[in-house]
Structure formats: structure tokens, C-alpha cells
C-alpha atoms as a PDB file:
ATOM      1  CA  MET A   1      22.042  96.456 -76.547  1.00  0.00           C
ATOM      2  CA  ARG A   2      20.597  98.362 -73.385  1.00  0.00           C
ATOM      3  CA  THR A   3      20.843 102.152 -73.234  1.00  0.00           C
ATOM      4  CA  VAL A   4      20.765 104.106 -69.962  1.00  0.00           C
ATOM      5  CA  ASP A   5      20.482 107.757 -69.889  1.00  0.00           C
ATOM      6  CA  ILE A   6      23.860 108.611 -68.240  1.00  0.00           C
ATOM      7  CA  GLU A   7      23.250 112.271 -67.716  1.00  0.00           C
ATOM      8  CA  LYS A   8      20.117 111.709 -65.544  1.00  0.00           C
ATOM      9  CA  MET A   9      22.409 109.889 -63.110  1.00  0.00           C
ATOM     10  CA  VAL A  10      25.210 112.413 -62.997  1.00  0.00           C
ATOM     11  CA  ARG A  11      25.192 115.094 -60.195  1.00  0.00           C
ATOM     12  CA  PRO A  12      24.191 118.405 -61.758  1.00  0.00           C
ATOM     13  CA  ASN A  13      27.323 120.305 -60.530  1.00  0.00           C
ATOM     14  CA  ILE A  14      29.543 117.711 -62.495  1.00  0.00           C
ATOM     15  CA  LEU A  15      27.487 118.127 -65.642  1.00  0.00           C
ATOM     16  CA  ALA A  16      28.101 121.877 -65.296  1.00  0.00           C
ATOM     17  CA  LEU A  17      31.670 121.511 -64.400  1.00  0.00           C
ATOM     18  CA  LYS A  18      34.301 123.205 -66.600  1.00  0.00           C
ATOM     19  CA  PRO A  19      37.442 121.122 -66.336  1.00  0.00           C
ATOM     20  CA  TYR A  20      40.799 122.713 -65.546  1.00  0.00           C
ATOM     21  CA  SER A  21      42.813 123.602 -68.768  1.00  0.00           C
ATOM     22  CA  SER A  22      46.517 123.180 -68.809  1.00  0.00           C
ATOM     23  CA  ALA A  23      49.071 124.545 -71.258  1.00  0.00           C
ATOM     24  CA  ARG A  24      49.474 120.880 -72.663  1.00  0.00           C
ATOM     25  CA  ASP A  25      45.676 120.826 -73.304  1.00  0.00           C
ATOM     26  CA  GLU A  26      46.179 123.337 -76.234  1.00  0.00           C
ATOM     27  CA  PHE A  27      49.362 121.630 -77.715  1.00  0.00           C
ATOM     28  CA  SER A  28      49.502 118.391 -79.408  1.00  0.00           C
ATOM     29  CA  GLY A  29      53.198 117.880 -79.966  1.00  0.00           C
ATOM     30  CA  ASN A  30      55.864 116.231 -77.691  1.00  0.00           C
ATOM     31  CA  GLU A  31      58.077 119.321 -77.228  1.00  0.00           C
ATOM     32  CA  GLY A  32      57.499 122.859 -76.691  1.00  0.00           C
ATOM     33  CA  ILE A  33      57.959 125.844 -74.453  1.00  0.00           C
ATOM     34  CA  PHE A  34      55.173 126.578 -71.943  1.00  0.00           C
ATOM     35  CA  LEU A  35      55.847 129.809 -70.203  1.00  0.00           C
ATOM     36  CA  ASP A  36      52.536 129.878 -68.439  1.00  0.00           C
ATOM     37  CA  ALA A  37      53.254 126.468 -66.807  1.00  0.00           C
ATOM     38  CA  ASN A  38      56.169 128.004 -64.856  1.00  0.00           C
ATOM     39  CA  GLU A  39      58.325 124.822 -65.514  1.00  0.00           C
ATOM     40  CA  ASN A  40      62.008 124.883 -64.122  1.00  0.00           C
ATOM     41  CA  PRO A  41      64.216 124.644 -67.238  1.00  0.00           C
ATOM     42  CA  TYR A  42      66.701 122.390 -65.372  1.00  0.00           C
ATOM     43  CA  GLY A  43      66.550 118.685 -64.387  1.00  0.00           C
ATOM     44  CA  THR A  44      65.158 115.574 -66.024  1.00  0.00           C
ATOM     45  CA  LEU A  45      61.902 115.508 -64.663  1.00  0.00           C
ATOM     46  CA  ASN A  46      60.923 119.212 -64.945  1.00  0.00           C
ATOM     47  CA  ARG A  47      58.043 118.945 -67.462  1.00  0.00           C
ATOM     48  CA  TYR A  48      54.433 118.141 -66.478  1.00  0.00           C
ATOM     49  CA  PRO A  49      53.277 114.830 -67.695  1.00  0.00           C
ATOM     50  CA  ASP A  50      50.808 114.365 -70.573  1.00  0.00           C
ATOM     51  CA  PRO A  51      47.236 114.872 -68.848  1.00  0.00           C
ATOM     52  CA  HIS A  52      45.763 112.764 -71.469  1.00  0.00           C
ATOM     53  CA  GLN A  53      48.350 109.917 -71.378  1.00  0.00           C
ATOM     54  CA  LYS A  54      48.106 109.808 -75.147  1.00  0.00           C
ATOM     55  CA  ALA A  55      51.042 107.359 -75.772  1.00  0.00           C
ATOM     56  CA  LEU A  56      49.919 104.953 -72.969  1.00  0.00           C
ATOM     57  CA  LYS A  57      46.297 104.974 -74.100  1.00  0.00           C
ATOM     58  CA  THR A  58      47.227 104.137 -77.833  1.00  0.00           C
ATOM     59  CA  LYS A  59      49.396 101.156 -76.759  1.00  0.00           C
ATOM     60  CA  LEU A  60      46.668 100.125 -74.240  1.00  0.00           C
ATOM     61  CA  SER A  61      44.047 100.288 -76.878  1.00  0.00           C
ATOM     62  CA  GLU A  62      46.313  98.031 -78.963  1.00  0.00           C
ATOM     63  CA  VAL A  63      46.786  95.364 -76.373  1.00  0.00           C
ATOM     64  CA  LYS A  64      43.329  95.510 -74.770  1.00  0.00           C
ATOM     65  CA  ASN A  65      41.442  95.991 -78.075  1.00  0.00           C
ATOM     66  CA  VAL A  66      39.444  98.837 -76.627  1.00  0.00           C
ATOM     67  CA  PRO A  67      39.030 102.182 -78.630  1.00  0.00           C
ATOM     68  CA  PHE A  68      41.173 104.993 -77.437  1.00  0.00           C
ATOM     69  CA  ASN A  69      38.320 107.256 -76.530  1.00  0.00           C
ATOM     70  CA  GLN A  70      36.794 104.515 -74.268  1.00  0.00           C
ATOM     71  CA  ILE A  71      39.784 104.402 -71.977  1.00  0.00           C
ATOM     72  CA  PHE A  72      40.446 106.253 -68.759  1.00  0.00           C
ATOM     73  CA  ILE A  73      43.712 106.130 -66.998  1.00  0.00           C
ATOM     74  CA  GLY A  74      43.745 106.573 -63.239  1.00  0.00           C
ATOM     75  CA  ASN A  75      46.328 106.933 -60.450  1.00  0.00           C
ATOM     76  CA  GLY A  76      45.584 103.382 -59.428  1.00  0.00           C
ATOM     77  CA  SER A  77      42.011 101.923 -59.482  1.00  0.00           C
ATOM     78  CA  ASP A  78      41.244 103.597 -56.311  1.00  0.00           C
ATOM     79  CA  GLU A  79      41.181 106.916 -57.847  1.00  0.00           C
ATOM     80  CA  VAL A  80      38.775 105.631 -60.364  1.00  0.00           C
ATOM     81  CA  ILE A  81      36.387 104.353 -57.545  1.00  0.00           C
ATOM     82  CA  ASP A  82      36.564 107.563 -55.832  1.00  0.00           C
ATOM     83  CA  LEU A  83      35.772 109.586 -59.051  1.00  0.00           C
ATOM     84  CA  ILE A  84      32.791 107.226 -59.786  1.00  0.00           C
ATOM     85  CA  TYR A  85      31.240 108.100 -56.545  1.00  0.00           C
ATOM     86  CA  ARG A  86      32.045 111.890 -57.040  1.00  0.00           C
ATOM     87  CA  ILE A  87      30.376 111.827 -60.355  1.00  0.00           C
ATOM     88  CA  PHE A  88      27.306 109.912 -59.780  1.00  0.00           C
ATOM     89  CA  CYS A  89      26.498 110.091 -56.065  1.00  0.00           C
ATOM     90  CA  GLU A  90      25.276 113.296 -54.191  1.00  0.00           C
ATOM     91  CA  PRO A  91      26.894 113.102 -50.571  1.00  0.00           C
ATOM     92  CA  GLY A  92      24.503 112.431 -47.902  1.00  0.00           C
ATOM     93  CA  LYS A  93      21.801 111.612 -50.216  1.00  0.00           C
ATOM     94  CA  ASP A  94      22.490 108.872 -52.790  1.00  0.00           C
ATOM     95  CA  SER A  95      23.512 105.269 -52.000  1.00  0.00           C
ATOM     96  CA  ALA A  96      25.435 102.339 -53.786  1.00  0.00           C
ATOM     97  CA  ILE A  97      25.517  98.629 -53.357  1.00  0.00           C
ATOM     98  CA  VAL A  98      28.337  96.331 -52.583  1.00  0.00           C
ATOM     99  CA  CYS A  99      28.541  92.584 -51.977  1.00  0.00           C
ATOM    100  CA  PRO A 100      30.705  91.420 -49.061  1.00  0.00           C
ATOM    101  CA  PRO A 101      33.106  89.748 -48.645  1.00  0.00           C
ATOM    102  CA  THR A 102      34.715  92.064 -51.339  1.00  0.00           C
ATOM    103  CA  TYR A 103      37.479  94.550 -51.860  1.00  0.00           C
ATOM    104  CA  GLY A 104      37.425  97.103 -49.005  1.00  0.00           C
ATOM    105  CA  MET A 105      38.116 100.294 -50.755  1.00  0.00           C
ATOM    106  CA  TYR A 106      34.460 100.431 -52.064  1.00  0.00           C
ATOM    107  CA  GLU A 107      33.342 101.024 -48.446  1.00  0.00           C
ATOM    108  CA  VAL A 108      36.294 103.297 -47.594  1.00  0.00           C
ATOM    109  CA  SER A 109      35.730 105.678 -50.615  1.00  0.00           C
ATOM    110  CA  ALA A 110      31.922 105.596 -49.813  1.00  0.00           C
ATOM    111  CA  ASN A 111      32.557 106.772 -46.409  1.00  0.00           C
ATOM    112  CA  ILE A 112      34.976 109.465 -47.484  1.00  0.00           C
ATOM    113  CA  ASN A 113      32.255 110.827 -50.001  1.00  0.00           C
ATOM    114  CA  HIS A 114      29.459 110.451 -47.347  1.00  0.00           C
ATOM    115  CA  ILE A 115      27.612 107.853 -49.573  1.00  0.00           C
ATOM    116  CA  GLN A 116      25.405 105.392 -47.812  1.00  0.00           C
ATOM    117  CA  LEU A 117      25.954 101.641 -48.590  1.00  0.00           C
ATOM    118  CA  HIS A 118      23.590  98.812 -49.085  1.00  0.00           C
ATOM    119  CA  GLU A 119      25.508  95.415 -48.129  1.00  0.00           C
ATOM    120  CA  ILE A 120      24.105  92.484 -49.858  1.00  0.00           C
ATOM    121  CA  PRO A 121      26.288  89.519 -49.077  1.00  0.00           C
ATOM    122  CA  LEU A 122      27.383  86.922 -51.656  1.00  0.00           C
ATOM    123  CA  THR A 123      25.437  83.634 -51.510  1.00  0.00           C
ATOM    124  CA  SER A 124      26.981  80.469 -49.830  1.00  0.00           C
ATOM    125  CA  ASP A 125      28.781  79.752 -53.057  1.00  0.00           C
ATOM    126  CA  PHE A 126      30.158  83.252 -53.581  1.00  0.00           C
ATOM    127  CA  GLN A 127      27.898  84.454 -56.154  1.00  0.00           C
ATOM    128  CA  LEU A 128      25.680  87.410 -56.386  1.00  0.00           C
ATOM    129  CA  ASP A 129      22.240  87.376 -54.950  1.00  0.00           C
ATOM    130  CA  ILE A 130      20.639  89.160 -58.103  1.00  0.00           C
ATOM    131  CA  GLU A 131      16.979  89.032 -57.043  1.00  0.00           C
ATOM    132  CA  LYS A 132      18.060  90.786 -53.679  1.00  0.00           C
ATOM    133  CA  ILE A 133      20.108  93.298 -55.383  1.00  0.00           C
ATOM    134  CA  LEU A 134      17.501  94.333 -57.910  1.00  0.00           C
ATOM    135  CA  GLN A 135      14.853  94.281 -55.089  1.00  0.00           C
ATOM    136  CA  THR A 136      16.959  96.865 -53.136  1.00  0.00           C
ATOM    137  CA  ALA A 137      17.464  98.997 -56.130  1.00  0.00           C
ATOM    138  CA  GLU A 138      13.810  98.924 -56.899  1.00  0.00           C
ATOM    139  CA  THR A 139      12.698  99.812 -53.415  1.00  0.00           C
ATOM    140  CA  ASP A 140      15.355 102.512 -52.678  1.00  0.00           C
ATOM    141  CA  SER A 141      15.354 105.306 -55.529  1.00  0.00           C
ATOM    142  CA  SER A 142      18.595 106.684 -53.934  1.00  0.00           C
ATOM    143  CA  VAL A 143      20.720 103.668 -55.311  1.00  0.00           C
ATOM    144  CA  LYS A 144      22.893 104.977 -58.150  1.00  0.00           C
ATOM    145  CA  LEU A 145      25.479 102.221 -58.719  1.00  0.00           C
ATOM    146  CA  ILE A 146      26.888  98.920 -57.682  1.00  0.00           C
ATOM    147  CA  PHE A 147      30.383  97.568 -57.290  1.00  0.00           C
ATOM    148  CA  VAL A 148      30.985  93.998 -58.333  1.00  0.00           C
ATOM    149  CA  CYS A 149      34.485  92.448 -58.137  1.00  0.00           C
ATOM    150  CA  SER A 150      34.992  89.657 -60.628  1.00  0.00           C
ATOM    151  CA  PRO A 151      37.037  87.491 -60.143  1.00  0.00           C
ATOM    152  CA  ASN A 152      36.199  88.552 -56.603  1.00  0.00           C
ATOM    153  CA  ASN A 153      38.659  89.710 -53.826  1.00  0.00           C
ATOM    154  CA  PRO A 154      39.179  87.911 -51.422  1.00  0.00           C
ATOM    155  CA  THR A 155      37.149  84.660 -52.580  1.00  0.00           C
ATOM    156  CA  GLY A 156      39.030  84.390 -55.959  1.00  0.00           C
ATOM    157  CA  ASN A 157      36.103  83.027 -58.039  1.00  0.00           C
ATOM    158  CA  ARG A 158      34.571  85.033 -61.046  1.00  0.00           C
ATOM    159  CA  LEU A 159      30.876  86.258 -60.561  1.00  0.00           C
ATOM    160  CA  ASP A 160      28.165  84.689 -62.656  1.00  0.00           C
ATOM    161  CA  ASN A 161      24.967  86.270 -64.142  1.00  0.00           C
ATOM    162  CA  LEU A 162      26.697  89.757 -64.631  1.00  0.00           C
ATOM    163  CA  GLU A 163      24.930  90.216 -67.867  1.00  0.00           C
ATOM    164  CA  LYS A 164      21.383  89.530 -66.081  1.00  0.00           C
ATOM    165  CA  LEU A 165      22.464  92.249 -63.767  1.00  0.00           C
ATOM    166  CA  LEU A 166      23.328  94.589 -66.515  1.00  0.00           C
ATOM    167  CA  GLU A 167      20.001  93.784 -68.184  1.00  0.00           C
ATOM    168  CA  ASN A 168      17.890  94.683 -65.088  1.00  0.00           C
ATOM    169  CA  PHE A 169      19.833  97.231 -62.962  1.00  0.00           C
ATOM    170  CA  ASN A 170      18.952 100.753 -63.731  1.00  0.00           C
ATOM    171  CA  GLY A 171      22.068 102.334 -62.194  1.00  0.00           C
ATOM    172  CA  ILE A 172      25.874 102.264 -62.993  1.00  0.00           C
ATOM    173  CA  VAL A 173      27.373  98.878 -62.810  1.00  0.00           C
ATOM    174  CA  VAL A 174      31.008  98.943 -61.964  1.00  0.00           C
ATOM    175  CA  ALA A 175      32.822  95.543 -62.790  1.00  0.00           C
ATOM    176  CA  ASP A 176      36.220  95.672 -60.862  1.00  0.00           C
ATOM    177  CA  GLU A 177      38.452  93.202 -62.951  1.00  0.00           C
ATOM    178  CA  ALA A 178      41.673  93.529 -61.049  1.00  0.00           C
ATOM    179  CA  TYR A 179      42.307  89.903 -61.436  1.00  0.00           C
ATOM    180  CA  VAL A 180      40.896  89.096 -64.730  1.00  0.00           C
ATOM    181  CA  ASP A 181      44.210  88.922 -66.522  1.00  0.00           C
ATOM    182  CA  PHE A 182      44.265  85.459 -65.002  1.00  0.00           C
ATOM    183  CA  CYS A 183      40.930  84.417 -66.644  1.00  0.00           C
ATOM    184  CA  PRO A 184      40.813  87.155 -69.579  1.00  0.00           C
ATOM    185  CA  GLU A 185      37.898  85.292 -71.535  1.00  0.00           C
ATOM    186  CA  TYR A 186      35.532  86.339 -68.731  1.00  0.00           C
ATOM    187  CA  SER A 187      36.105  90.088 -69.047  1.00  0.00           C
ATOM    188  CA  LEU A 188      33.190  92.248 -69.819  1.00  0.00           C
ATOM    189  CA  LYS A 189      35.374  94.866 -71.598  1.00  0.00           C
ATOM    190  CA  SER A 190      33.751  93.801 -74.924  1.00  0.00           C
ATOM    191  CA  LYS A 191      30.213  94.610 -73.583  1.00  0.00           C
ATOM    192  CA  ILE A 192      30.979  98.412 -72.956  1.00  0.00           C
ATOM    193  CA  ASN A 193      29.292  99.356 -76.175  1.00  0.00           C
ATOM    194  CA  LYS A 194      26.309  97.038 -75.446  1.00  0.00           C
ATOM    195  CA  TYR A 195      25.703  98.445 -71.987  1.00  0.00           C
ATOM    196  CA  SER A 196      25.937 102.220 -71.638  1.00  0.00           C
ATOM    197  CA  HIS A 197      25.911 102.010 -67.938  1.00  0.00           C
ATOM    198  CA  LEU A 198      28.826  99.618 -67.840  1.00  0.00           C
ATOM    199  CA  ILE A 199      32.103 100.659 -66.274  1.00  0.00           C
ATOM    200  CA  VAL A 200      35.064  98.023 -66.348  1.00  0.00           C
ATOM    201  CA  MET A 201      38.046  98.637 -64.203  1.00  0.00           C
ATOM    202  CA  GLN A 202      41.237  96.812 -64.741  1.00  0.00           C
ATOM    203  CA  THR A 203      44.908  97.493 -63.238  1.00  0.00           C
ATOM    204  CA  PHE A 204      48.606  96.925 -63.780  1.00  0.00           C
ATOM    205  CA  SER A 205      48.977  96.028 -60.045  1.00  0.00           C
ATOM    206  CA  LYS A 206      48.332  92.133 -60.243  1.00  0.00           C
ATOM    207  CA  ALA A 207      49.170  90.134 -63.298  1.00  0.00           C
ATOM    208  CA  TRP A 208      51.315  92.902 -64.788  1.00  0.00           C
ATOM    209  CA  ALA A 209      53.449  93.117 -61.483  1.00  0.00           C
ATOM    210  CA  LEU A 210      53.491  96.796 -61.319  1.00  0.00           C
ATOM    211  CA  ALA A 211      51.513  97.628 -57.836  1.00  0.00           C
ATOM    212  CA  GLY A 212      54.327 100.148 -57.147  1.00  0.00           C
ATOM    213  CA  VAL A 213      53.649 102.164 -60.268  1.00  0.00           C
ATOM    214  CA  ARG A 214      49.873 102.893 -59.446  1.00  0.00           C
ATOM    215  CA  VAL A 215      48.140 102.772 -62.866  1.00  0.00           C
ATOM    216  CA  GLY A 216      44.619 101.794 -63.197  1.00  0.00           C
ATOM    217  CA  MET A 217      42.144 101.993 -65.976  1.00  0.00           C
ATOM    218  CA  ALA A 218      38.623 102.074 -66.836  1.00  0.00           C
ATOM    219  CA  PHE A 219      36.813 101.062 -70.003  1.00  0.00           C
ATOM    220  CA  ALA A 220      33.356 102.619 -70.780  1.00  0.00           C
ATOM    221  CA  GLY A 221      31.169 104.375 -73.257  1.00  0.00           C
ATOM    222  CA  GLU A 222      32.417 107.785 -74.407  1.00  0.00           C
ATOM    223  CA  LYS A 223      30.020 109.745 -72.266  1.00  0.00           C
ATOM    224  CA  ILE A 224      31.296 108.181 -68.997  1.00  0.00           C
ATOM    225  CA  ILE A 225      34.936 108.490 -70.112  1.00  0.00           C
ATOM    226  CA  SER A 226      34.434 112.230 -70.711  1.00  0.00           C
ATOM    227  CA  LEU A 227      32.961 112.533 -67.335  1.00  0.00           C
ATOM    228  CA  LEU A 228      35.730 110.794 -65.746  1.00  0.00           C
ATOM    229  CA  ASP A 229      38.206 112.957 -67.927  1.00  0.00           C
ATOM    230  CA  LYS A 230      36.840 116.315 -66.807  1.00  0.00           C
ATOM    231  CA  THR A 231      36.550 115.443 -63.029  1.00  0.00           C
ATOM    232  CA  LYS A 232      40.177 114.115 -62.520  1.00  0.00           C
ATOM    233  CA  PRO A 233      43.031 116.234 -61.460  1.00  0.00           C
ATOM    234  CA  PRO A 234      44.921 117.439 -64.651  1.00  0.00           C
ATOM    235  CA  TYR A 235      48.134 115.463 -64.032  1.00  0.00           C
ATOM    236  CA  ASN A 236      46.877 112.398 -62.154  1.00  0.00           C
ATOM    237  CA  VAL A 237      49.425 110.139 -63.657  1.00  0.00           C
ATOM    238  CA  SER A 238      53.177 110.856 -63.413  1.00  0.00           C
ATOM    239  CA  ILE A 239      55.504 110.783 -66.386  1.00  0.00           C
ATOM    240  CA  ILE A 240      57.513 107.950 -64.741  1.00  0.00           C
ATOM    241  CA  ASN A 241      54.435 105.897 -64.013  1.00  0.00           C
ATOM    242  CA  GLN A 242      53.174 106.424 -67.629  1.00  0.00           C
ATOM    243  CA  GLN A 243      56.609 105.361 -69.070  1.00  0.00           C
ATOM    244  CA  VAL A 244      56.798 102.187 -66.951  1.00  0.00           C
ATOM    245  CA  ALA A 245      53.491 101.038 -67.932  1.00  0.00           C
ATOM    246  CA  LEU A 246      54.130 101.809 -71.652  1.00  0.00           C
ATOM    247  CA  GLU A 247      57.211  99.654 -71.428  1.00  0.00           C
ATOM    248  CA  ALA A 248      55.400  96.826 -69.896  1.00  0.00           C
ATOM    249  CA  LEU A 249      52.842  96.867 -72.667  1.00  0.00           C
ATOM    250  CA  SER A 250      55.570  96.638 -75.168  1.00  0.00           C
ATOM    251  CA  ARG A 251      56.674  93.357 -73.533  1.00  0.00           C
ATOM    252  CA  VAL A 252      53.464  91.390 -73.532  1.00  0.00           C
ATOM    253  CA  ASP A 253      55.455  88.061 -74.202  1.00  0.00           C
ATOM    254  CA  GLU A 254      57.134  88.478 -70.860  1.00  0.00           C
ATOM    255  CA  PHE A 255      53.728  89.236 -69.154  1.00  0.00           C
ATOM    256  CA  GLU A 256      52.192  86.017 -70.517  1.00  0.00           C
ATOM    257  CA  LYS A 257      55.086  83.770 -69.438  1.00  0.00           C
ATOM    258  CA  ARG A 258      55.027  85.154 -65.933  1.00  0.00           C
ATOM    259  CA  ARG A 259      51.226  84.888 -65.710  1.00  0.00           C
ATOM    260  CA  ASP A 260      51.407  81.207 -66.985  1.00  0.00           C
ATOM    261  CA  THR A 261      53.979  80.434 -64.367  1.00  0.00           C
ATOM    262  CA  ILE A 262      51.690  81.873 -61.712  1.00  0.00           C
ATOM    263  CA  LEU A 263      48.718  79.702 -63.010  1.00  0.00           C
ATOM    264  CA  GLN A 264      50.892  76.645 -63.037  1.00  0.00           C
ATOM    265  CA  GLN A 265      51.969  77.246 -59.400  1.00  0.00           C
ATOM    266  CA  ARG A 266      48.259  77.778 -58.543  1.00  0.00           C
ATOM    267  CA  ALA A 267      47.365  74.462 -59.816  1.00  0.00           C
ATOM    268  CA  TYR A 268      50.523  72.784 -58.059  1.00  0.00           C
ATOM    269  CA  LEU A 269      49.590  74.424 -54.720  1.00  0.00           C
ATOM    270  CA  ALA A 270      46.071  73.287 -54.917  1.00  0.00           C
ATOM    271  CA  GLU A 271      47.091  69.755 -55.753  1.00  0.00           C
ATOM    272  CA  GLU A 272      49.580  69.721 -52.863  1.00  0.00           C
ATOM    273  CA  LEU A 273      47.217  70.993 -50.374  1.00  0.00           C
ATOM    274  CA  SER A 274      44.685  68.559 -51.157  1.00  0.00           C
ATOM    275  CA  LYS A 275      47.121  65.845 -50.008  1.00  0.00           C
ATOM    276  CA  LEU A 276      46.976  67.297 -46.401  1.00  0.00           C
ATOM    277  CA  GLU A 277      44.660  65.580 -44.019  1.00  0.00           C
ATOM    278  CA  ILE A 278      43.876  68.912 -42.320  1.00  0.00           C
ATOM    279  CA  VAL A 279      42.525  70.421 -45.453  1.00  0.00           C
ATOM    280  CA  LYS A 280      38.938  69.620 -45.940  1.00  0.00           C
ATOM    281  CA  LYS A 281      38.186  71.703 -49.337  1.00  0.00           C
ATOM    282  CA  ILE A 282      40.254  73.473 -51.821  1.00  0.00           C
ATOM    283  CA  TYR A 283      38.130  76.261 -53.302  1.00  0.00           C
ATOM    284  CA  PRO A 284      38.825  76.879 -56.979  1.00  0.00           C
ATOM    285  CA  SER A 285      40.161  80.136 -57.826  1.00  0.00           C
ATOM    286  CA  ASP A 286      39.964  82.244 -61.082  1.00  0.00           C
ATOM    287  CA  ALA A 287      42.436  84.785 -59.936  1.00  0.00           C
END
């Protein structure tokens, strides 16, 4: 187990932030009259959604085997990325590390939040250059976090030595596991209590086939989850999106069948491509 003082890495204004409190924050039931919310009494989508996504988190906790209070639900993983920058990085002062080629929103979100990026390219075999990452973090005290995508987008391979990174990197380590449902045995979500500075992101957009719903999730220690909860907009995930994701989690057998079909077709495609003379090498994929 490795414990990092999370509060020392958080922006002071975020630590002092008093979150927005809605009518539903003060009511635990499913029905009620909230005159202060000024909801229109007519229509089928006239009520605000549950700001804490309790039903969805409860089912997600069961399916993912992660405690309820260590789950954050975002309006897609892109919202989670943005919130992480806002919580830990002072605009124009702090920096982060990314390892290209990788998911482009890490850079876009950094630019929006005026955060400097250190780009440390993957090695020739598409793995992390751990020594250079640690050297950069050691020589630049402004480095607050690193994004690692595993399986990586766009190379498709899982990243090795992530625990070595967690043991030696003193900032926040964000493991983006958007494609990990295709190789679930390599997920780091079981390590969130071992490493207090670890945030694991997953999504419904890929293997769950719900890219149009925009529901992402983060798994982390309770301190980090509480920071995400108080920094997010109050109603960041709509009623419809919560319901669709909840229904998908109730049909795990269908999800597994579709995933297995994709894995079979991936193997078939690789085999057939290897028969073509113009194809020199098939890179293995974990995504």
C-alpha cells in the first residue's frame, strides 16, 4: 500500500469550495414535491435527475465490484478528465504528463484549462518510458498528474509496468481504461485502495455500445471521489442517460455475448489480414 497526501495536491480554492446544494440533496426518497426547484408539473421529463445517481451507482458497484462511495459518474469520461485538471492543476502554473500517441482529449482539456503538458512518447514497442516519466516529474515540481491510457488509444495494446509508475510517481495517476472490458483481467480498479493517488476511468461508450448516452465513470479513493462530487455540476447526468446505463447493467449476459463476438471477429480479421502479401506485420490488440 502507498499513501499520498491528496489534499496537498488539490488547488486551495477547490479544498475550500462549498458545493451547490439542490432540493434533492436534502431528500432521500424517489418522490416528493420540491417547490424551491420550480419544476413544471406537466410532462414526462419534468423532474430533475438524481444528482448522486444512487440507483446507477448501486448497480455499477455490484457489476464492477467497487464500493458505492468509490464511484463517480460523469457526463462521459471527457467530463472526468476536465474535472481532474480543475481539481489538481492551477491554470498557468501546474503541468501534467501525457504519452503520445494517445487519446487526444487529454491535450485539448489541458489547453482549455491552461495547463502545460509534458509529452513523453511511448517507446518503439508502444510502452511507457517509465524512467523518463519519473525523471521529468522529479526535475519539474509543477507536474501534478499523468494520464495513461490502457489499453492505449490508438495503438490498442495494454501498458505494462503501471504499478512501477504508481510506486514511484508522486502525483495523481489517471488510468484511462475505456477499452479494458476487452481485457478485464488487466484492470487497475482493484488497486484503488492500495494506491491513494490512483484514478481509474472507464466508460459505457465502447464495449457496452452506449457512446450516444455519454456516461463515464471513475473509481478512486473516497477523498478523490468527494472532490469530484463537489466540483461537478449538480445534474451532470440526465435521467434518460442514467436509466439507459442502468438497463444495460441489468443485461450483463447480452453485453458479454456482444463482447465475445467482437473478440472473435478481431481474431478473424487479424488472421485474414496476415494472408495478404501487402501486410507486413499484424500488431496485437488488447482493445
